[in-house]
Amino acid sequence: MTNIFSKGFVMASFPYRERDRMLHILTPDYGLISAGARGACSVKSKLRSVSNLFSLCNYDLFHHKGRFYVDDGEVIESFLNISESLEHLTAASHAAEVFRDLTRHSPPDKKYFDLWAYTIYEISQSKCPVLISRLSTLRLLAEAGYAPRLSSCVICQRPVSGDAVFSFSNSGIICHRHSCGDSSEDYLKMSRGTLALLQHILSAPLNRLYRFQ
């Protein structure tokens, strides 16, 4: 049996057996892990508060026979206000699902933990939580190596100025030259402001990621 100590965000929390809960915890050093919290469904359980969805906690975990279990923990930030708004809860839940899907099979990397930390805080404070959720997904995919090309035409490689056209099949913007435009049929017109916003999301440092002014 091995004990580890780590902070982590609860990305999913659901009942398991009669009184336990199963947690998906995003950690900076171990990636996304599944951990059982024995008795956490009980009102008197010491693990109840560290099993709440979206909470950031310090965890004392032990690893036994290929599984993690929560031995103890302390809440750093609960983000309880997210559950008080259906819009915020929906936005956070959608973003958490995407983060779980990507990090479940990815090697541990602190950049995913840091990105989620900024994202969940911003969702909890924002008047437009759904927008933050969508933009976080774009940055997450970029961090994983799936960024669309937004700085130059994906066909001719030349810089694009002014309004742009985004091609889903080519995963990037296409210039207005006739020869390039004929290369794709799934256009989406994109204004200069929208393009600038997406470029910001792909390249901004995390502490400026959701600052648009």
Protein backbone atom coordinates (compact mmCIF):
# COMPACT_ATOMS: atom_id res chain seq x y z
CA MET A 1 0.00 0.00 0.00
CA THR A 2 1.39 3.40 -1.05
CA ASN A 3 0.30 6.77 0.30
CA ILE A 4 0.40 9.93 -1.81
CA PHE A 5 -0.47 13.51 -0.98
CA SER A 6 -1.84 15.75 -3.70
CA LYS A 7 -4.20 18.60 -4.29
CA GLY A 8 -6.87 18.02 -6.89
CA PHE A 9 -10.17 19.11 -8.39
CA VAL A 10 -13.23 16.87 -8.20
CA MET A 11 -14.21 16.53 -11.86
CA ALA A 12 -16.93 13.94 -11.21
CA SER A 13 -18.55 12.51 -8.09
CA PHE A 14 -21.17 9.78 -8.07
CA PRO A 15 -22.58 7.20 -5.62
CA TYR A 16 -20.83 3.86 -5.48
CA ARG A 17 -22.29 0.90 -3.64
CA GLU A 18 -24.44 1.84 -0.64
CA ARG A 19 -22.53 4.58 1.18
CA ASP A 20 -19.41 5.26 -0.88
CA ARG A 21 -18.66 7.70 -3.65
CA MET A 22 -16.39 7.35 -6.66
CA LEU A 23 -14.42 10.47 -7.53
CA HIS A 24 -12.56 11.52 -10.65
CA ILE A 25 -9.84 13.85 -9.39
CA LEU A 26 -7.64 16.00 -11.64
CA THR A 27 -4.21 16.36 -10.02
CA PRO A 28 -1.12 18.31 -11.13
CA ASP A 29 1.31 15.38 -10.84
CA TYR A 30 -0.75 12.23 -11.40
CA GLY A 31 -3.22 13.44 -14.01
CA LEU A 32 -6.83 12.29 -13.77
CA ILE A 33 -7.30 9.53 -11.23
CA SER A 34 -10.32 7.60 -9.97
CA ALA A 35 -10.52 7.27 -6.21
CA GLY A 36 -13.04 5.66 -3.92
CA ALA A 37 -14.27 7.66 -0.93
CA ARG A 38 -15.60 5.14 1.56
CA GLY A 39 -18.66 6.27 3.49
CA ALA A 40 -18.71 9.67 1.78
CA CYS A 41 -22.48 9.49 1.23
CA SER A 42 -23.02 9.56 4.97
CA VAL A 43 -23.92 12.95 6.45
CA LYS A 44 -21.37 12.44 9.24
CA SER A 45 -18.53 11.29 6.99
CA LYS A 46 -15.28 13.26 7.15
CA LEU A 47 -14.96 12.69 3.40
CA ARG A 48 -18.31 14.20 2.47
CA SER A 49 -17.02 17.75 1.94
CA VAL A 50 -14.00 16.63 -0.12
CA SER A 51 -16.28 14.62 -2.41
CA ASN A 52 -18.34 17.57 -3.66
CA LEU A 53 -18.26 18.25 -7.39
CA PHE A 54 -15.75 20.92 -8.54
CA SER A 55 -14.12 21.24 -5.10
CA LEU A 56 -10.38 21.88 -4.89
CA CYS A 57 -8.93 19.88 -2.01
CA ASN A 58 -5.75 18.60 -0.47
CA TYR A 59 -5.99 14.81 -0.51
CA ASP A 60 -4.35 12.03 1.44
CA LEU A 61 -4.71 9.05 -0.89
CA PHE A 62 -3.57 5.48 -0.67
CA HIS A 63 -3.04 3.09 -3.55
CA HIS A 64 -3.92 -0.54 -2.95
CA LYS A 65 -4.27 -3.40 -5.45
CA GLY A 66 -4.38 -1.07 -8.43
CA ARG A 67 -6.94 1.36 -6.98
CA PHE A 68 -6.84 4.74 -5.27
CA TYR A 69 -8.81 5.49 -2.12
CA VAL A 70 -9.29 8.76 -0.24
CA ASP A 71 -8.02 8.44 3.31
CA ASP A 72 -8.43 12.07 4.34
CA GLY A 73 -8.70 15.52 2.84
CA GLU A 74 -9.15 19.23 3.35
CA VAL A 75 -11.20 21.61 1.22
CA ILE A 76 -9.26 24.53 -0.28
CA GLU A 77 -12.12 26.00 -2.33
CA SER A 78 -15.61 24.54 -2.70
CA PHE A 79 -17.04 26.63 -5.59
CA LEU A 80 -20.49 26.02 -4.10
CA ASN A 81 -21.91 29.09 -5.85
CA ILE A 82 -21.72 27.22 -9.17
CA SER A 83 -24.47 24.86 -8.02
CA GLU A 84 -26.75 27.80 -7.22
CA SER A 85 -27.14 28.72 -10.91
CA LEU A 86 -28.35 26.29 -13.56
CA GLU A 87 -26.43 28.18 -16.26
CA HIS A 88 -23.16 28.07 -14.29
CA LEU A 89 -23.69 24.43 -13.32
CA THR A 90 -24.36 23.42 -16.93
CA ALA A 91 -21.30 25.31 -18.20
CA ALA A 92 -19.01 23.84 -15.55
CA SER A 93 -20.36 20.31 -16.04
CA HIS A 94 -19.85 20.46 -19.80
CA ALA A 95 -16.29 21.77 -19.45
CA ALA A 96 -15.47 19.15 -16.81
CA GLU A 97 -16.74 16.37 -19.08
CA VAL A 98 -14.47 17.51 -21.92
CA PHE A 99 -11.48 17.79 -19.58
CA ARG A 100 -12.16 14.29 -18.23
CA ASP A 101 -12.45 12.79 -21.69
CA LEU A 102 -9.13 14.26 -22.80
CA THR A 103 -7.08 13.75 -19.64
CA ARG A 104 -8.36 10.22 -18.98
CA HIS A 105 -5.97 8.79 -21.57
CA SER A 106 -3.29 11.50 -21.51
CA PRO A 107 0.03 11.37 -19.64
CA PRO A 108 -0.01 13.48 -16.45
CA ASP A 109 0.71 17.12 -17.27
CA LYS A 110 0.37 20.08 -14.94
CA LYS A 111 -0.80 22.33 -17.79
CA TYR A 112 -4.21 20.63 -17.77
CA PHE A 113 -4.55 21.16 -14.03
CA ASP A 114 -3.56 24.82 -14.32
CA LEU A 115 -5.94 25.42 -17.23
CA TRP A 116 -8.83 23.89 -15.30
CA ALA A 117 -7.98 26.01 -12.24
CA TYR A 118 -8.32 29.23 -14.22
CA THR A 119 -11.39 27.92 -16.05
CA ILE A 120 -13.45 26.81 -13.05
CA TYR A 121 -12.69 30.04 -11.22
CA GLU A 122 -13.73 32.11 -14.23
CA ILE A 123 -16.91 30.09 -14.72
CA SER A 124 -17.81 30.66 -11.07
CA GLN A 125 -17.41 34.43 -11.45
CA SER A 126 -18.46 35.12 -15.04
CA LYS A 127 -21.76 36.53 -16.26
CA CYS A 128 -21.24 34.44 -19.43
CA PRO A 129 -20.21 31.01 -18.07
CA VAL A 130 -21.20 29.14 -21.24
CA LEU A 131 -18.80 31.27 -23.30
CA ILE A 132 -15.98 30.53 -20.85
CA SER A 133 -16.77 26.83 -21.06
CA ARG A 134 -16.61 26.83 -24.86
CA LEU A 135 -13.39 28.84 -24.99
CA SER A 136 -11.74 26.57 -22.43
CA THR A 137 -12.44 23.61 -24.70
CA LEU A 138 -10.61 25.31 -27.57
CA ARG A 139 -7.57 26.02 -25.39
CA LEU A 140 -7.63 22.48 -24.00
CA LEU A 141 -7.54 21.00 -27.50
CA ALA A 142 -4.71 23.36 -28.40
CA GLU A 143 -2.72 22.26 -25.34
CA ALA A 144 -3.23 18.65 -26.44
CA GLY A 145 -1.89 19.40 -29.92
CA TYR A 146 -5.16 19.82 -31.81
CA ALA A 147 -5.14 23.59 -32.36
CA PRO A 148 -6.72 24.90 -35.56
CA ARG A 149 -4.54 27.10 -37.76
CA LEU A 150 -5.67 30.68 -37.30
CA SER A 151 -2.61 32.73 -38.28
CA SER A 152 -2.40 31.91 -41.99
CA CYS A 153 -4.35 30.24 -44.78
CA VAL A 154 -4.27 26.46 -44.48
CA ILE A 155 -4.16 26.15 -48.28
CA CYS A 156 -1.59 28.70 -49.50
CA GLN A 157 0.11 29.43 -46.13
CA ARG A 158 -0.19 33.20 -46.66
CA PRO A 159 -1.23 35.55 -43.82
CA VAL A 160 -4.95 36.36 -43.67
CA SER A 161 -6.10 39.90 -42.92
CA GLY A 162 -9.61 41.19 -42.40
CA ASP A 163 -12.61 38.89 -42.24
CA ALA A 164 -11.83 35.20 -42.63
CA VAL A 165 -13.47 31.94 -43.59
CA PHE A 166 -13.04 28.90 -41.35
CA SER A 167 -12.94 25.43 -42.88
CA PHE A 168 -13.86 22.55 -40.58
CA SER A 169 -12.46 19.89 -42.90
CA ASN A 170 -9.11 21.70 -43.09
CA SER A 171 -9.13 22.76 -39.42
CA GLY A 172 -8.17 26.36 -40.08
CA ILE A 173 -8.87 29.61 -41.85
CA ILE A 174 -8.85 30.05 -45.62
CA CYS A 175 -8.06 33.25 -47.47
CA HIS A 176 -10.35 34.82 -50.07
CA ARG A 177 -8.24 33.86 -53.07
CA HIS A 178 -10.37 31.95 -55.53
CA SER A 179 -8.00 28.99 -55.77
CA CYS A 180 -8.01 28.52 -52.01
CA GLY A 181 -11.74 29.00 -51.60
CA ASP A 182 -12.44 26.19 -54.04
CA SER A 183 -10.54 23.76 -51.79
CA SER A 184 -13.26 23.47 -49.16
CA GLU A 185 -17.04 23.30 -49.10
CA ASP A 186 -17.71 23.61 -45.35
CA TYR A 187 -17.22 27.34 -44.85
CA LEU A 188 -18.06 29.38 -41.80
CA LYS A 189 -17.63 33.11 -42.17
CA MET A 190 -15.66 34.63 -39.32
CA SER A 191 -15.43 38.32 -38.46
CA ARG A 192 -12.16 40.01 -37.64
CA GLY A 193 -13.21 40.31 -33.99
CA THR A 194 -14.07 36.63 -33.70
CA LEU A 195 -10.77 35.65 -35.27
CA ALA A 196 -8.87 37.90 -32.86
CA LEU A 197 -10.70 36.34 -29.90
CA LEU A 198 -9.86 32.80 -30.98
CA GLN A 199 -6.23 33.72 -31.61
CA HIS A 200 -6.11 35.18 -28.10
CA ILE A 201 -7.48 31.97 -26.59
CA LEU A 202 -4.85 29.89 -28.37
CA SER A 203 -1.85 32.02 -27.40
CA ALA A 204 -2.55 34.04 -24.24
CA PRO A 205 -0.83 33.13 -20.96
CA LEU A 206 -3.24 31.49 -18.55
CA ASN A 207 -3.41 34.49 -16.23
CA ARG A 208 -4.68 36.56 -19.18
CA LEU A 209 -6.68 33.85 -20.91
CA TYR A 210 -10.14 35.14 -20.04
CA ARG A 211 -9.24 38.84 -20.07
CA PHE A 212 -10.51 40.22 -23.35
CA GLN A 213 -9.78 43.93 -22.95
